[in-house]
Amino acid sequence: MIFEKILSLSKKEHKVTDNMRKHIKLLCNACSLFGTAIEKNDRSLMRDLIDIERESDSIRREIISKIHDGAFLPYLRPDLCRFVEIVDHVFDVLEDTAHYCLDGKIPEQIKSECIRIAYLNSKICEMLLITFEAMLKGDDLREKTLAIRIYEKKIDDIKFSLIKDIHKIPISNFWEGKILSDFISGITTISDIIEDASDYLQIINVSMK
């Protein structure tokens, strides 16, 4: 049985999937905005990410409420809820990382690599949306989840290089070093979380067969 057949049973399922799509699209916008904010060193855009996180929370609550209100078969609900929570966690990480940027400054020695990671985060998020749409059609997700893993591997490779680079950057005090370390951890964790989200899409897709 493919996903579309289950969706045809109730408007509740359509509402949930529409909001899930909206949630992921908002995440794509947030990742793109974050990259622009880093590139332009725009503190105003960084603050906008905090507002986006609040919007994400609102969408997440509505999705979870609809699911608990009877949308979808009971055996699917835990995985659907878990997927939504994982996507929402990316917004939390983005917000925290935006705060690190507001509290400190990205050293010029690593700025280009940070911009590159932000770009890859945007691409991996777009691929998550493509994977979600494919799941709704009941398509095979293997190639799409593989693409997500490839993006994640590229970011991991940059991360290891960045860690070596920041060891060479003069740090004036403990807090400056911690903010920089937390920032690097934040921008490189996003792809890990999105990969986890794609795994849940694969689980849900298999459950529909």
C-alpha atoms as a PDB file:
ATOM      1  CA  MET A   1       0.000   0.000   0.000  1.00  0.00           C
ATOM      2  CA  ILE A   2       1.516   3.343  -0.981  1.00  0.00           C
ATOM      3  CA  PHE A   3       1.364   6.537   1.021  1.00  0.00           C
ATOM      4  CA  GLU A   4      -1.163   8.250  -1.278  1.00  0.00           C
ATOM      5  CA  LYS A   5      -3.773   5.556  -0.631  1.00  0.00           C
ATOM      6  CA  ILE A   6      -3.641   6.162   3.108  1.00  0.00           C
ATOM      7  CA  LEU A   7      -3.796   9.928   2.602  1.00  0.00           C
ATOM      8  CA  SER A   8      -6.997   9.539   0.596  1.00  0.00           C
ATOM      9  CA  LEU A   9      -8.801   8.222   3.674  1.00  0.00           C
ATOM     10  CA  SER A  10      -8.905  11.486   5.619  1.00  0.00           C
ATOM     11  CA  LYS A  11      -8.318  15.222   5.396  1.00  0.00           C
ATOM     12  CA  LYS A  12      -6.356  14.986   8.664  1.00  0.00           C
ATOM     13  CA  GLU A  13      -3.501  13.188   6.916  1.00  0.00           C
ATOM     14  CA  HIS A  14      -3.432  15.809   4.163  1.00  0.00           C
ATOM     15  CA  LYS A  15      -3.236  18.552   6.771  1.00  0.00           C
ATOM     16  CA  VAL A  16      -0.385  16.799   8.557  1.00  0.00           C
ATOM     17  CA  THR A  17       1.675  16.220   5.416  1.00  0.00           C
ATOM     18  CA  ASP A  18       1.032  19.785   4.229  1.00  0.00           C
ATOM     19  CA  ASN A  19       2.383  21.063   7.541  1.00  0.00           C
ATOM     20  CA  MET A  20       5.322  18.659   7.435  1.00  0.00           C
ATOM     21  CA  ARG A  21       6.165  20.021   3.982  1.00  0.00           C
ATOM     22  CA  LYS A  22       5.820  23.564   5.316  1.00  0.00           C
ATOM     23  CA  HIS A  23       8.096  22.663   8.229  1.00  0.00           C
ATOM     24  CA  ILE A  24      10.850  21.350   5.970  1.00  0.00           C
ATOM     25  CA  LYS A  25      10.532  24.276   3.553  1.00  0.00           C
ATOM     26  CA  LEU A  26      10.887  26.661   6.479  1.00  0.00           C
ATOM     27  CA  LEU A  27      14.044  24.795   7.475  1.00  0.00           C
ATOM     28  CA  CYS A  28      15.419  25.188   3.944  1.00  0.00           C
ATOM     29  CA  ASN A  29      14.768  28.921   4.171  1.00  0.00           C
ATOM     30  CA  ALA A  30      16.413  29.083   7.587  1.00  0.00           C
ATOM     31  CA  CYS A  31      19.554  27.292   6.386  1.00  0.00           C
ATOM     32  CA  SER A  32      19.789  29.575   3.367  1.00  0.00           C
ATOM     33  CA  LEU A  33      19.286  32.658   5.553  1.00  0.00           C
ATOM     34  CA  PHE A  34      21.962  31.444   7.935  1.00  0.00           C
ATOM     35  CA  GLY A  35      24.467  31.096   5.105  1.00  0.00           C
ATOM     36  CA  THR A  36      23.705  34.609   3.863  1.00  0.00           C
ATOM     37  CA  ALA A  37      24.029  35.976   7.398  1.00  0.00           C
ATOM     38  CA  ILE A  38      27.494  34.433   7.765  1.00  0.00           C
ATOM     39  CA  GLU A  39      28.665  35.591   4.356  1.00  0.00           C
ATOM     40  CA  LYS A  40      27.474  39.184   4.889  1.00  0.00           C
ATOM     41  CA  ASN A  41      28.211  39.224   8.618  1.00  0.00           C
ATOM     42  CA  ASP A  42      24.622  40.434   9.031  1.00  0.00           C
ATOM     43  CA  ARG A  43      23.559  40.402  12.681  1.00  0.00           C
ATOM     44  CA  SER A  44      19.995  41.365  11.756  1.00  0.00           C
ATOM     45  CA  LEU A  45      19.599  38.192   9.696  1.00  0.00           C
ATOM     46  CA  MET A  46      20.995  36.165  12.584  1.00  0.00           C
ATOM     47  CA  ARG A  47      18.276  37.603  14.822  1.00  0.00           C
ATOM     48  CA  ASP A  48      15.658  36.697  12.208  1.00  0.00           C
ATOM     49  CA  LEU A  49      16.610  33.047  12.721  1.00  0.00           C
ATOM     50  CA  ILE A  50      15.345  33.275  16.285  1.00  0.00           C
ATOM     51  CA  ASP A  51      11.901  34.308  14.998  1.00  0.00           C
ATOM     52  CA  ILE A  52      11.958  31.455  12.493  1.00  0.00           C
ATOM     53  CA  GLU A  53      12.634  29.006  15.328  1.00  0.00           C
ATOM     54  CA  ARG A  54       9.475  30.212  17.079  1.00  0.00           C
ATOM     55  CA  GLU A  55       7.475  29.684  13.880  1.00  0.00           C
ATOM     56  CA  SER A  56       8.927  26.191  13.633  1.00  0.00           C
ATOM     57  CA  ASP A  57       7.747  25.390  17.166  1.00  0.00           C
ATOM     58  CA  SER A  58       4.235  26.463  16.247  1.00  0.00           C
ATOM     59  CA  ILE A  59       4.165  24.225  13.161  1.00  0.00           C
ATOM     60  CA  ARG A  60       5.612  21.300  15.129  1.00  0.00           C
ATOM     61  CA  ARG A  61       2.933  21.599  17.814  1.00  0.00           C
ATOM     62  CA  GLU A  62       0.168  21.632  15.220  1.00  0.00           C
ATOM     63  CA  ILE A  63       1.563  18.555  13.451  1.00  0.00           C
ATOM     64  CA  ILE A  64       1.940  16.565  16.669  1.00  0.00           C
ATOM     65  CA  SER A  65      -1.529  17.618  17.817  1.00  0.00           C
ATOM     66  CA  LYS A  66      -3.121  16.414  14.569  1.00  0.00           C
ATOM     67  CA  ILE A  67      -1.274  13.102  14.740  1.00  0.00           C
ATOM     68  CA  HIS A  68      -2.344  12.495  18.348  1.00  0.00           C
ATOM     69  CA  ASP A  69      -5.867  13.505  17.361  1.00  0.00           C
ATOM     70  CA  GLY A  70      -6.114  10.444  15.139  1.00  0.00           C
ATOM     71  CA  ALA A  71      -4.271  11.176  11.914  1.00  0.00           C
ATOM     72  CA  PHE A  72      -2.601   8.078  10.426  1.00  0.00           C
ATOM     73  CA  LEU A  73      -2.657   4.514  11.637  1.00  0.00           C
ATOM     74  CA  PRO A  74      -1.360   4.007  15.202  1.00  0.00           C
ATOM     75  CA  TYR A  75       1.754   2.074  14.181  1.00  0.00           C
ATOM     76  CA  LEU A  76       2.920   5.004  12.002  1.00  0.00           C
ATOM     77  CA  ARG A  77       2.397   7.780  14.525  1.00  0.00           C
ATOM     78  CA  PRO A  78       5.566   7.320  16.641  1.00  0.00           C
ATOM     79  CA  ASP A  79       7.871   7.426  13.598  1.00  0.00           C
ATOM     80  CA  LEU A  80       6.064  10.423  12.105  1.00  0.00           C
ATOM     81  CA  CYS A  81       6.266  12.295  15.406  1.00  0.00           C
ATOM     82  CA  ARG A  82       9.919  11.390  15.796  1.00  0.00           C
ATOM     83  CA  PHE A  83      10.694  12.669  12.298  1.00  0.00           C
ATOM     84  CA  VAL A  84       8.999  15.997  13.043  1.00  0.00           C
ATOM     85  CA  GLU A  85      10.878  16.323  16.344  1.00  0.00           C
ATOM     86  CA  ILE A  86      14.211  15.665  14.607  1.00  0.00           C
ATOM     87  CA  VAL A  87      13.510  18.327  11.977  1.00  0.00           C
ATOM     88  CA  ASP A  88      12.541  20.750  14.731  1.00  0.00           C
ATOM     89  CA  HIS A  89      15.806  20.005  16.521  1.00  0.00           C
ATOM     90  CA  VAL A  90      17.688  21.467  13.536  1.00  0.00           C
ATOM     91  CA  PHE A  91      15.914  24.766  14.151  1.00  0.00           C
ATOM     92  CA  ASP A  92      17.082  24.641  17.781  1.00  0.00           C
ATOM     93  CA  VAL A  93      20.679  24.108  16.678  1.00  0.00           C
ATOM     94  CA  LEU A  94      20.415  26.927  14.139  1.00  0.00           C
ATOM     95  CA  GLU A  95      19.090  29.277  16.809  1.00  0.00           C
ATOM     96  CA  ASP A  96      21.875  28.356  19.237  1.00  0.00           C
ATOM     97  CA  THR A  97      24.486  28.774  16.522  1.00  0.00           C
ATOM     98  CA  ALA A  98      23.044  32.166  15.570  1.00  0.00           C
ATOM     99  CA  HIS A  99      23.476  33.227  19.195  1.00  0.00           C
ATOM    100  CA  TYR A 100      27.143  32.164  19.044  1.00  0.00           C
ATOM    101  CA  CYS A 101      27.568  34.426  16.017  1.00  0.00           C
ATOM    102  CA  LEU A 102      25.936  37.309  17.842  1.00  0.00           C
ATOM    103  CA  ASP A 103      28.180  36.779  20.874  1.00  0.00           C
ATOM    104  CA  GLY A 104      31.410  36.454  18.906  1.00  0.00           C
ATOM    105  CA  LYS A 105      32.966  36.853  15.482  1.00  0.00           C
ATOM    106  CA  ILE A 106      33.973  34.275  12.895  1.00  0.00           C
ATOM    107  CA  PRO A 107      37.747  34.508  12.347  1.00  0.00           C
ATOM    108  CA  GLU A 108      38.660  35.407   8.772  1.00  0.00           C
ATOM    109  CA  GLN A 109      40.958  32.356   8.615  1.00  0.00           C
ATOM    110  CA  ILE A 110      37.966  29.992   8.654  1.00  0.00           C
ATOM    111  CA  LYS A 111      35.134  32.140   7.301  1.00  0.00           C
ATOM    112  CA  SER A 112      35.213  30.749   3.748  1.00  0.00           C
ATOM    113  CA  GLU A 113      34.986  27.182   5.031  1.00  0.00           C
ATOM    114  CA  CYS A 114      32.104  28.105   7.325  1.00  0.00           C
ATOM    115  CA  ILE A 115      30.265  29.633   4.371  1.00  0.00           C
ATOM    116  CA  ARG A 116      30.902  26.433   2.421  1.00  0.00           C
ATOM    117  CA  ILE A 117      29.425  24.336   5.241  1.00  0.00           C
ATOM    118  CA  ALA A 118      26.374  26.611   5.394  1.00  0.00           C
ATOM    119  CA  TYR A 119      25.910  26.139   1.641  1.00  0.00           C
ATOM    120  CA  LEU A 120      26.131  22.350   1.979  1.00  0.00           C
ATOM    121  CA  ASN A 121      23.652  22.470   4.868  1.00  0.00           C
ATOM    122  CA  SER A 122      21.221  24.252   2.548  1.00  0.00           C
ATOM    123  CA  LYS A 123      21.711  21.594  -0.125  1.00  0.00           C
ATOM    124  CA  ILE A 124      21.252  18.691   2.280  1.00  0.00           C
ATOM    125  CA  CYS A 125      18.070  20.330   3.562  1.00  0.00           C
ATOM    126  CA  GLU A 126      16.751  20.697   0.011  1.00  0.00           C
ATOM    127  CA  MET A 127      17.494  17.016  -0.532  1.00  0.00           C
ATOM    128  CA  LEU A 128      15.504  16.173   2.607  1.00  0.00           C
ATOM    129  CA  LEU A 129      12.514  17.982   1.105  1.00  0.00           C
ATOM    130  CA  ILE A 130      12.955  16.065  -2.174  1.00  0.00           C
ATOM    131  CA  THR A 131      13.141  12.807  -0.192  1.00  0.00           C
ATOM    132  CA  PHE A 132       9.981  13.697   1.722  1.00  0.00           C
ATOM    133  CA  GLU A 133       8.084  14.383  -1.521  1.00  0.00           C
ATOM    134  CA  ALA A 134       9.328  11.087  -2.941  1.00  0.00           C
ATOM    135  CA  MET A 135       8.088   9.273   0.173  1.00  0.00           C
ATOM    136  CA  LEU A 136       4.609  10.721  -0.316  1.00  0.00           C
ATOM    137  CA  LYS A 137       4.600   9.200  -3.806  1.00  0.00           C
ATOM    138  CA  GLY A 138       5.795   5.846  -2.502  1.00  0.00           C
ATOM    139  CA  ASP A 139       9.049   6.064  -4.480  1.00  0.00           C
ATOM    140  CA  ASP A 140      12.289   4.315  -3.635  1.00  0.00           C
ATOM    141  CA  LEU A 141      14.359   6.607  -1.423  1.00  0.00           C
ATOM    142  CA  ARG A 142      17.743   4.915  -1.580  1.00  0.00           C
ATOM    143  CA  GLU A 143      19.398   7.262  -4.088  1.00  0.00           C
ATOM    144  CA  LYS A 144      18.115  10.332  -2.284  1.00  0.00           C
ATOM    145  CA  THR A 145      19.199   9.183   1.167  1.00  0.00           C
ATOM    146  CA  LEU A 146      22.576   8.293  -0.349  1.00  0.00           C
ATOM    147  CA  ALA A 147      22.881  11.873  -1.639  1.00  0.00           C
ATOM    148  CA  ILE A 148      22.182  13.126   1.891  1.00  0.00           C
ATOM    149  CA  ARG A 149      24.936  10.891   3.261  1.00  0.00           C
ATOM    150  CA  ILE A 150      27.359  12.194   0.633  1.00  0.00           C
ATOM    151  CA  TYR A 151      26.640  15.788   1.654  1.00  0.00           C
ATOM    152  CA  GLU A 152      27.063  14.818   5.305  1.00  0.00           C
ATOM    153  CA  LYS A 153      30.417  13.171   4.547  1.00  0.00           C
ATOM    154  CA  LYS A 154      31.638  16.319   2.770  1.00  0.00           C
ATOM    155  CA  ILE A 155      30.756  18.406   5.813  1.00  0.00           C
ATOM    156  CA  ASP A 156      32.501  15.929   8.110  1.00  0.00           C
ATOM    157  CA  ASP A 157      35.660  16.232   6.008  1.00  0.00           C
ATOM    158  CA  ILE A 158      35.552  20.031   6.269  1.00  0.00           C
ATOM    159  CA  LYS A 159      34.903  19.757  10.004  1.00  0.00           C
ATOM    160  CA  PHE A 160      38.117  17.820  10.627  1.00  0.00           C
ATOM    161  CA  SER A 161      40.050  20.408   8.639  1.00  0.00           C
ATOM    162  CA  LEU A 162      38.392  23.247  10.565  1.00  0.00           C
ATOM    163  CA  ILE A 163      39.294  21.712  13.909  1.00  0.00           C
ATOM    164  CA  LYS A 164      42.950  21.734  12.870  1.00  0.00           C
ATOM    165  CA  ASP A 165      42.662  25.326  11.666  1.00  0.00           C
ATOM    166  CA  ILE A 166      41.092  26.730  14.839  1.00  0.00           C
ATOM    167  CA  HIS A 167      43.969  25.317  16.878  1.00  0.00           C
ATOM    168  CA  LYS A 168      46.177  27.833  15.084  1.00  0.00           C
ATOM    169  CA  ILE A 169      43.927  30.838  15.791  1.00  0.00           C
ATOM    170  CA  PRO A 170      45.005  33.032  18.723  1.00  0.00           C
ATOM    171  CA  ILE A 171      42.349  33.050  21.452  1.00  0.00           C
ATOM    172  CA  SER A 172      42.326  35.818  24.040  1.00  0.00           C
ATOM    173  CA  ASN A 173      40.274  34.034  26.714  1.00  0.00           C
ATOM    174  CA  PHE A 174      38.365  30.874  27.586  1.00  0.00           C
ATOM    175  CA  TRP A 175      34.934  32.205  26.578  1.00  0.00           C
ATOM    176  CA  GLU A 176      36.107  33.345  23.164  1.00  0.00           C
ATOM    177  CA  GLY A 177      37.457  29.881  22.538  1.00  0.00           C
ATOM    178  CA  LYS A 178      34.292  28.190  23.798  1.00  0.00           C
ATOM    179  CA  ILE A 179      32.027  30.338  21.615  1.00  0.00           C
ATOM    180  CA  LEU A 180      34.135  29.524  18.561  1.00  0.00           C
ATOM    181  CA  SER A 181      34.163  25.811  19.395  1.00  0.00           C
ATOM    182  CA  ASP A 182      30.399  25.760  19.965  1.00  0.00           C
ATOM    183  CA  PHE A 183      29.839  27.589  16.687  1.00  0.00           C
ATOM    184  CA  ILE A 184      31.863  25.029  14.720  1.00  0.00           C
ATOM    185  CA  SER A 185      30.039  22.219  16.493  1.00  0.00           C
ATOM    186  CA  GLY A 186      26.680  23.800  15.650  1.00  0.00           C
ATOM    187  CA  ILE A 187      27.178  24.311  11.924  1.00  0.00           C
ATOM    188  CA  THR A 188      28.634  20.823  11.489  1.00  0.00           C
ATOM    189  CA  THR A 189      25.937  19.084  13.577  1.00  0.00           C
ATOM    190  CA  ILE A 190      23.069  20.218  11.341  1.00  0.00           C
ATOM    191  CA  SER A 191      23.914  17.705   8.604  1.00  0.00           C
ATOM    192  CA  ASP A 192      24.095  14.871  11.151  1.00  0.00           C
ATOM    193  CA  ILE A 193      20.578  15.649  12.357  1.00  0.00           C
ATOM    194  CA  ILE A 194      19.186  15.912   8.828  1.00  0.00           C
ATOM    195  CA  GLU A 195      20.742  12.535   8.026  1.00  0.00           C
ATOM    196  CA  ASP A 196      18.904  11.116  11.061  1.00  0.00           C
ATOM    197  CA  ALA A 197      15.676  12.649   9.747  1.00  0.00           C
ATOM    198  CA  SER A 198      16.193  11.019   6.348  1.00  0.00           C
ATOM    199  CA  ASP A 199      16.648   7.646   8.066  1.00  0.00           C
ATOM    200  CA  TYR A 200      13.206   8.045   9.613  1.00  0.00           C
ATOM    201  CA  LEU A 201      11.722   8.830   6.224  1.00  0.00           C
ATOM    202  CA  GLN A 202      13.178   5.564   5.010  1.00  0.00           C
ATOM    203  CA  ILE A 203      11.633   3.734   7.988  1.00  0.00           C
ATOM    204  CA  ILE A 204       8.226   5.316   7.320  1.00  0.00           C
ATOM    205  CA  ASN A 205       8.480   4.535   3.613  1.00  0.00           C
ATOM    206  CA  VAL A 206       9.231   0.869   4.272  1.00  0.00           C
ATOM    207  CA  SER A 207       6.313   0.721   6.714  1.00  0.00           C
ATOM    208  CA  MET A 208       3.971   1.771   3.907  1.00  0.00           C
ATOM    209  CA  LYS A 209       4.852  -1.178   1.677  1.00  0.00           C
END
